[in-house]
Amino acid sequence: METNKLLLYNERRANKSNIWLLFLFLGWSYGSMDQIFLQIIYYLTLGGLGVWTLYRLFTLNKAIRNYNKKIAKDIGMNESDISSLGL
């Protein structure tokens, strides 16, 4: 794996701990993963009156993993590089 790609990936990837803290205290998760429109809808519906919030509790880890995989592909990492990152 190229060092430049790894540095770029580490700079752009979503930090799991930060996203969880933002979600638990502010309800912010979609905005951290470049989905501002969904974040606005989430706030306007008050987290789907709680239903969307419960759903997000169970799907947030997978969403973070998918976002990080997308970032890795965008910067040109191949599948073996991505799997070595644990994604």
N, C-alpha and C. Protein backbone atom coordinates (compact mmCIF):
# COMPACT_ATOMS: atom_id res chain seq x y z
N MET A 1 0.86 -1.17 0.00
CA MET A 1 0.00 0.00 0.00
C MET A 1 0.91 1.24 0.00
N GLU A 2 0.54 2.19 -0.81
CA GLU A 2 1.32 3.42 -0.90
C GLU A 2 1.10 4.28 0.34
N THR A 3 2.17 4.89 0.80
CA THR A 3 2.10 5.74 1.98
C THR A 3 1.22 6.95 1.74
N ASN A 4 1.29 7.53 0.53
CA ASN A 4 0.48 8.71 0.23
C ASN A 4 -1.01 8.40 0.31
N LYS A 5 -1.39 7.24 -0.22
CA LYS A 5 -2.80 6.85 -0.18
C LYS A 5 -3.25 6.62 1.26
N LEU A 6 -2.38 6.00 2.04
CA LEU A 6 -2.73 5.73 3.44
C LEU A 6 -2.88 7.03 4.22
N LEU A 7 -1.99 7.98 3.99
CA LEU A 7 -2.09 9.28 4.66
C LEU A 7 -3.37 10.01 4.25
N LEU A 8 -3.67 9.97 2.96
CA LEU A 8 -4.89 10.62 2.47
C LEU A 8 -6.13 9.95 3.04
N TYR A 9 -6.12 8.63 3.10
CA TYR A 9 -7.24 7.90 3.68
C TYR A 9 -7.43 8.28 5.15
N ASN A 10 -6.35 8.28 5.92
CA ASN A 10 -6.45 8.61 7.34
C ASN A 10 -6.93 10.03 7.57
N GLU A 11 -6.63 10.91 6.65
CA GLU A 11 -7.07 12.30 6.76
C GLU A 11 -8.56 12.44 6.48
N ARG A 12 -9.09 11.64 5.56
CA ARG A 12 -10.48 11.80 5.11
C ARG A 12 -11.47 10.83 5.75
N ARG A 13 -10.99 9.79 6.38
CA ARG A 13 -11.90 8.76 6.90
C ARG A 13 -12.73 9.29 8.07
N ALA A 14 -13.84 8.61 8.30
CA ALA A 14 -14.71 8.96 9.42
C ALA A 14 -14.20 8.25 10.67
N ASN A 15 -14.01 9.00 11.73
CA ASN A 15 -13.56 8.45 13.00
C ASN A 15 -14.77 7.89 13.76
N LYS A 16 -14.75 6.61 14.00
CA LYS A 16 -15.89 5.93 14.61
C LYS A 16 -16.26 6.51 15.97
N SER A 17 -15.27 6.78 16.81
CA SER A 17 -15.53 7.32 18.15
C SER A 17 -16.17 8.70 18.09
N ASN A 18 -15.63 9.54 17.24
CA ASN A 18 -16.18 10.90 17.12
C ASN A 18 -17.62 10.88 16.61
N ILE A 19 -17.89 10.06 15.62
CA ILE A 19 -19.25 10.00 15.07
C ILE A 19 -20.22 9.48 16.11
N TRP A 20 -19.82 8.46 16.86
CA TRP A 20 -20.71 7.94 17.91
C TRP A 20 -20.99 8.99 18.97
N LEU A 21 -19.97 9.71 19.40
CA LEU A 21 -20.18 10.76 20.40
C LEU A 21 -21.09 11.86 19.87
N LEU A 22 -20.86 12.29 18.64
CA LEU A 22 -21.72 13.31 18.04
C LEU A 22 -23.16 12.82 17.93
N PHE A 23 -23.32 11.55 17.56
CA PHE A 23 -24.67 11.01 17.43
C PHE A 23 -25.38 10.92 18.77
N LEU A 24 -24.69 10.42 19.77
CA LEU A 24 -25.33 10.23 21.08
C LEU A 24 -25.68 11.54 21.76
N PHE A 25 -24.86 12.57 21.59
CA PHE A 25 -25.11 13.83 22.28
C PHE A 25 -25.85 14.87 21.45
N LEU A 26 -25.69 14.83 20.11
CA LEU A 26 -26.31 15.85 19.27
C LEU A 26 -27.22 15.29 18.18
N GLY A 27 -27.24 13.98 18.01
CA GLY A 27 -28.03 13.40 16.93
C GLY A 27 -27.37 13.60 15.58
N TRP A 28 -26.08 13.90 15.56
CA TRP A 28 -25.38 14.21 14.32
C TRP A 28 -24.62 12.98 13.84
N SER A 29 -25.03 12.42 12.70
CA SER A 29 -24.26 11.32 12.13
C SER A 29 -24.21 11.42 10.61
N TYR A 30 -25.33 11.74 10.00
CA TYR A 30 -25.36 11.83 8.54
C TYR A 30 -24.47 12.96 8.04
N GLY A 31 -24.45 14.06 8.74
CA GLY A 31 -23.65 15.21 8.34
C GLY A 31 -22.16 14.89 8.35
N SER A 32 -21.74 14.03 9.24
CA SER A 32 -20.33 13.64 9.30
C SER A 32 -19.92 12.80 8.10
N MET A 33 -20.90 12.22 7.43
CA MET A 33 -20.61 11.35 6.29
C MET A 33 -21.14 11.94 4.99
N ASP A 34 -21.06 13.25 4.89
CA ASP A 34 -21.41 13.99 3.66
C ASP A 34 -22.85 13.79 3.20
N GLN A 35 -23.78 13.66 4.13
CA GLN A 35 -25.20 13.52 3.80
C GLN A 35 -25.99 14.59 4.55
N ILE A 36 -25.68 15.83 4.25
CA ILE A 36 -26.27 16.97 4.95
C ILE A 36 -27.79 17.00 4.79
N PHE A 37 -28.29 16.70 3.59
CA PHE A 37 -29.74 16.73 3.37
C PHE A 37 -30.44 15.75 4.32
N LEU A 38 -29.92 14.53 4.44
CA LEU A 38 -30.53 13.56 5.36
C LEU A 38 -30.44 14.04 6.81
N GLN A 39 -29.35 14.71 7.15
CA GLN A 39 -29.21 15.23 8.52
C GLN A 39 -30.27 16.29 8.80
N ILE A 40 -30.53 17.14 7.84
CA ILE A 40 -31.57 18.17 8.01
C ILE A 40 -32.93 17.53 8.18
N ILE A 41 -33.23 16.53 7.34
CA ILE A 41 -34.51 15.81 7.45
C ILE A 41 -34.61 15.11 8.80
N TYR A 42 -33.51 14.53 9.24
CA TYR A 42 -33.47 13.85 10.54
C TYR A 42 -33.84 14.82 11.66
N TYR A 43 -33.25 16.01 11.63
CA TYR A 43 -33.56 17.01 12.66
C TYR A 43 -34.99 17.52 12.53
N LEU A 44 -35.45 17.78 11.32
CA LEU A 44 -36.80 18.30 11.14
C LEU A 44 -37.88 17.32 11.61
N THR A 45 -37.60 16.02 11.48
CA THR A 45 -38.59 15.02 11.91
C THR A 45 -38.33 14.54 13.34
N LEU A 46 -37.40 15.21 14.02
CA LEU A 46 -37.02 14.83 15.38
C LEU A 46 -36.62 13.36 15.45
N GLY A 47 -35.77 13.00 14.51
CA GLY A 47 -35.29 11.61 14.48
C GLY A 47 -36.40 10.65 14.15
N GLY A 48 -37.32 11.07 13.27
CA GLY A 48 -38.45 10.21 12.93
C GLY A 48 -39.28 9.88 14.15
N LEU A 49 -39.39 10.87 15.03
CA LEU A 49 -40.09 10.73 16.31
C LEU A 49 -39.54 9.54 17.11
N GLY A 50 -38.23 9.34 16.99
CA GLY A 50 -37.56 8.31 17.76
C GLY A 50 -37.34 7.01 17.01
N VAL A 51 -38.17 6.71 16.02
CA VAL A 51 -38.04 5.45 15.29
C VAL A 51 -36.75 5.45 14.47
N TRP A 52 -36.50 6.54 13.76
CA TRP A 52 -35.29 6.66 12.95
C TRP A 52 -34.05 6.61 13.84
N THR A 53 -34.15 7.19 15.02
CA THR A 53 -33.04 7.18 15.95
C THR A 53 -32.71 5.75 16.39
N LEU A 54 -33.72 4.97 16.72
CA LEU A 54 -33.49 3.57 17.10
C LEU A 54 -32.87 2.78 15.95
N TYR A 55 -33.36 3.01 14.75
CA TYR A 55 -32.80 2.35 13.57
C TYR A 55 -31.33 2.72 13.41
N ARG A 56 -31.02 3.99 13.58
CA ARG A 56 -29.66 4.47 13.40
C ARG A 56 -28.72 3.89 14.45
N LEU A 57 -29.21 3.66 15.64
CA LEU A 57 -28.38 3.04 16.69
C LEU A 57 -27.84 1.68 16.24
N PHE A 58 -28.64 0.94 15.51
CA PHE A 58 -28.25 -0.39 15.09
C PHE A 58 -27.50 -0.41 13.76
N THR A 59 -27.56 0.66 12.99
CA THR A 59 -26.94 0.66 11.67
C THR A 59 -25.76 1.61 11.54
N LEU A 60 -25.43 2.34 12.57
CA LEU A 60 -24.39 3.36 12.47
C LEU A 60 -23.01 2.75 12.20
N ASN A 61 -22.66 1.66 12.85
CA ASN A 61 -21.34 1.05 12.61
C ASN A 61 -21.17 0.64 11.16
N LYS A 62 -22.20 0.04 10.58
CA LYS A 62 -22.13 -0.37 9.18
C LYS A 62 -22.04 0.84 8.26
N ALA A 63 -22.77 1.90 8.58
CA ALA A 63 -22.72 3.11 7.76
C ALA A 63 -21.32 3.73 7.79
N ILE A 64 -20.67 3.73 8.94
CA ILE A 64 -19.31 4.26 9.05
C ILE A 64 -18.35 3.40 8.23
N ARG A 65 -18.48 2.09 8.34
CA ARG A 65 -17.63 1.18 7.58
C ARG A 65 -17.81 1.38 6.07
N ASN A 66 -19.05 1.51 5.61
CA ASN A 66 -19.32 1.73 4.19
C ASN A 66 -18.78 3.07 3.71
N TYR A 67 -18.90 4.10 4.54
CA TYR A 67 -18.38 5.41 4.18
C TYR A 67 -16.86 5.36 4.05
N ASN A 68 -16.20 4.71 4.99
CA ASN A 68 -14.74 4.60 4.94
C ASN A 68 -14.29 3.78 3.74
N LYS A 69 -15.05 2.75 3.39
CA LYS A 69 -14.73 1.96 2.21
C LYS A 69 -14.87 2.80 0.95
N LYS A 70 -15.88 3.64 0.90
CA LYS A 70 -16.07 4.54 -0.24
C LYS A 70 -14.91 5.52 -0.36
N ILE A 71 -14.46 6.06 0.76
CA ILE A 71 -13.33 6.97 0.77
C ILE A 71 -12.09 6.26 0.23
N ALA A 72 -11.85 5.04 0.68
CA ALA A 72 -10.69 4.28 0.22
C ALA A 72 -10.74 4.04 -1.28
N LYS A 73 -11.91 3.71 -1.80
CA LYS A 73 -12.06 3.50 -3.25
C LYS A 73 -11.87 4.80 -4.02
N ASP A 74 -12.37 5.90 -3.47
CA ASP A 74 -12.24 7.20 -4.13
C ASP A 74 -10.79 7.63 -4.29
N ILE A 75 -9.94 7.28 -3.34
CA ILE A 75 -8.54 7.69 -3.45
C ILE A 75 -7.69 6.67 -4.22
N GLY A 76 -8.32 5.60 -4.68
CA GLY A 76 -7.65 4.67 -5.58
C GLY A 76 -7.05 3.44 -4.93
N MET A 77 -7.50 3.08 -3.75
CA MET A 77 -7.01 1.86 -3.13
C MET A 77 -7.67 0.66 -3.78
N ASN A 78 -6.92 -0.45 -3.92
CA ASN A 78 -7.51 -1.66 -4.48
C ASN A 78 -8.13 -2.49 -3.35
N GLU A 79 -8.78 -3.59 -3.73
CA GLU A 79 -9.51 -4.40 -2.75
C GLU A 79 -8.61 -5.00 -1.67
N SER A 80 -7.39 -5.38 -2.02
CA SER A 80 -6.50 -5.95 -0.99
C SER A 80 -6.07 -4.88 0.00
N ASP A 81 -5.87 -3.65 -0.48
CA ASP A 81 -5.54 -2.54 0.43
C ASP A 81 -6.71 -2.25 1.37
N ILE A 82 -7.90 -2.26 0.80
CA ILE A 82 -9.10 -1.98 1.60
C ILE A 82 -9.30 -3.07 2.65
N SER A 83 -9.12 -4.32 2.27
CA SER A 83 -9.31 -5.40 3.25
C SER A 83 -8.23 -5.36 4.32
N SER A 84 -7.03 -4.87 3.99
CA SER A 84 -5.98 -4.78 5.00
C SER A 84 -6.29 -3.68 6.03
N LEU A 85 -7.18 -2.75 5.66
CA LEU A 85 -7.63 -1.71 6.60
C LEU A 85 -8.72 -2.22 7.52
N GLY A 86 -9.22 -3.41 7.25
CA GLY A 86 -10.27 -3.99 8.08
C GLY A 86 -11.67 -3.55 7.65
N LEU A 87 -11.82 -3.16 6.40
CA LEU A 87 -13.12 -2.68 5.92
C LEU A 87 -13.82 -3.75 5.10
